[in-house]
Amino acid sequence: MSLEVLEEIRKELRELRLLYKELAEKLIPVEKPTPEEQKAIEEKDEIAGEDELMKVLDKADVRRKD
């Protein structure tokens, strides 16, 4: 393949990529997170300990299936 052919292929691939990006943006609109969602994204997650988990499971009356 000649250099001109490769350049043409690159150009067409760039155009296809841009068209695909525009199509995706139209079909899947980008939404900003709500203030509550933004807070959840930025905050450090809390990690529950084993004791806390067992208390919650006991209150929910969850039993293991043997």
Protein backbone atom coordinates (compact mmCIF):
# COMPACT_ATOMS: atom_id res chain seq x y z
CA MET A 1 0.00 0.00 0.00
CA SER A 2 1.18 3.45 -0.78
CA LEU A 3 1.52 6.24 1.73
CA GLU A 4 -1.36 8.15 0.12
CA VAL A 5 -3.71 5.20 0.59
CA LEU A 6 -2.76 4.87 4.25
CA GLU A 7 -3.31 8.58 4.83
CA GLU A 8 -6.74 8.35 3.19
CA ILE A 9 -7.64 5.39 5.42
CA ARG A 10 -6.56 7.35 8.51
CA LYS A 11 -8.63 10.34 7.42
CA GLU A 12 -11.72 8.16 6.90
CA LEU A 13 -11.21 6.47 10.25
CA ARG A 14 -11.06 9.87 12.00
CA GLU A 15 -14.29 10.90 10.27
CA LEU A 16 -15.99 7.64 11.25
CA ARG A 17 -14.84 8.04 14.85
CA LEU A 18 -16.24 11.58 15.00
CA LEU A 19 -19.55 10.48 13.46
CA TYR A 20 -19.83 7.61 15.93
CA LYS A 21 -19.07 9.96 18.83
CA GLU A 22 -21.77 12.40 17.71
CA LEU A 23 -24.28 9.60 17.27
CA ALA A 24 -23.52 8.18 20.71
CA GLU A 25 -23.91 11.63 22.29
CA LYS A 26 -27.32 12.05 20.66
CA LEU A 27 -28.54 8.59 21.66
CA ILE A 28 -27.07 8.58 25.16
CA PRO A 29 -27.36 12.07 26.60
CA VAL A 30 -24.81 12.98 29.24
CA GLU A 31 -26.51 13.91 32.48
CA LYS A 32 -24.90 15.76 35.33
CA PRO A 33 -25.21 14.02 38.68
CA THR A 34 -27.72 15.35 41.20
CA PRO A 35 -26.25 17.03 44.30
CA GLU A 36 -26.93 13.83 46.26
CA GLU A 37 -25.19 11.69 43.64
CA GLN A 38 -22.23 14.08 43.50
CA LYS A 39 -21.90 13.92 47.28
CA ALA A 40 -21.92 10.10 47.15
CA ILE A 41 -19.26 10.14 44.42
CA GLU A 42 -16.94 12.44 46.36
CA GLU A 43 -17.39 11.05 49.90
CA LYS A 44 -15.25 8.27 51.25
CA ASP A 45 -17.18 5.03 51.60
CA GLU A 46 -18.01 3.73 55.06
CA ILE A 47 -17.00 0.16 55.75
CA ALA A 48 -19.08 -1.90 58.16
CA GLY A 49 -17.38 -4.34 60.51
CA GLU A 50 -18.32 -7.96 61.00
CA ASP A 51 -20.11 -7.26 64.30
CA GLU A 52 -22.27 -4.56 62.71
CA LEU A 53 -23.15 -6.83 59.79
CA MET A 54 -24.12 -9.69 62.09
CA LYS A 55 -26.40 -7.40 64.13
CA VAL A 56 -28.19 -6.22 60.99
CA LEU A 57 -28.56 -9.75 59.68
CA ASP A 58 -29.93 -10.97 63.00
CA LYS A 59 -32.50 -8.15 63.03
CA ALA A 60 -33.53 -9.02 59.47
CA ASP A 61 -33.87 -12.68 60.56
CA VAL A 62 -31.68 -13.86 57.70
CA ARG A 63 -30.58 -17.47 58.07
CA ARG A 64 -28.02 -19.45 56.13
CA LYS A 65 -29.28 -22.30 54.00
CA ASP A 66 -27.29 -25.44 54.74
